[in-house]
Amino acid sequence: MNKLTAMQVFMQIIDSGSLTKAANELNTSLPTVVRTLAALEEHLKIRLINRTTRKITITEEGKRYLQRCRTIQYEIEQSELEISANQQAPTGKLKITASVMYGSTYVAPLVAKFLQKHKQVTIELVLSDQNINLVEQGIDVAIRIGPLSDSNMIAKKVGSVSRVICATPTFLNKINAIKQPKDLTNIPCILFTGLSHGNNWHLHQGDKIHSIPVKGPLSCNNITSALNVVKESLGLGMFLSYQVEQELEKGELLTVLAEFEPPPLDVNIVYSHAKLMSTRVRYFVDWVTHELRNQMSK
């Protein structure tokens, strides 16, 4: 069994939605596709696809393997691109999305640098805290924080961010010392609805998760507004570390319950699998991945 060929068959089955359509796209026979998939599953000792007479569904193991296959396919094509003497400069339009504050802080400055280097490229930058559907909205590249759900996309990790609870020194001086997660229930909290899970903050103590109901004077879906209210000493706030980095460095905000912080969230560059990538997308993905990794490692 040729493993690369088997991977390509598996990816085509998922992309086509059926074994028959995959055979047509690959210009081969249905029995060949069936045998290749069976051989791959036997080699891996896992079931990649559940299939009935009407439809196929990818298994959880299949989703993880599909992500790896897409990454391998991209790396192979990228290697070929890099050694090609006929490599073209990027041209045309890119559509990129990121969350509002992360996009403003990290992505927008890099977009400006990229445009300075590549005069024939134009970029539409969409900053939104909503989880935009990349295919429906025609997005070429997304920068996402947190778990990813779309197995039809490739993800490159560029760093991670933590979730911190913080307040001003003035506010902390007015309340009793916070030592345990349960202490939060009687303290005013500012809820950023883009991060919190309802009215609960989830804190971790080893394998134990504390789900703490919190309340306060403001619930807001805009990070800047929520942060400004916390800076006015009106309550505690839970934010991603990059959102309050400057305030923490200056001592304007102080963290509490650091030993109970949830696990860090990955920051990923997300884009369509390699065979659909244009030259401009390849250039931007490789360049912004390198740039963000450098910035987030500091």
Foldseek 3Di string as FASTA:
>chain_A
DPVLVLLVLLLLCVVQFHLCSSCVVVVHDSVVSVVSQVVVCVVVVHHQWDDDPPGIDGDPVNLVVLLVSLVVVQVVVVVVLVPDPPNDADAEEAEEEEAAPCCVPQVVVVVVVVCVVRVRYHYHYHHHLDPDDCVVVVHAKYKDWFDDDDSQKHKDFQAWWWKFKKAFPVLCVVDDADDDPQVQAPWAEAAQPSPDDPQWDWWADPPDIDTYRHHHDYYHPDPVVSVVVRLVSRGMYIDICVSCVVCVVVRRMDTPPPNGIDDIITIIMMGGRNVPDDSVSVVVVVVSSVVSNVVNVD
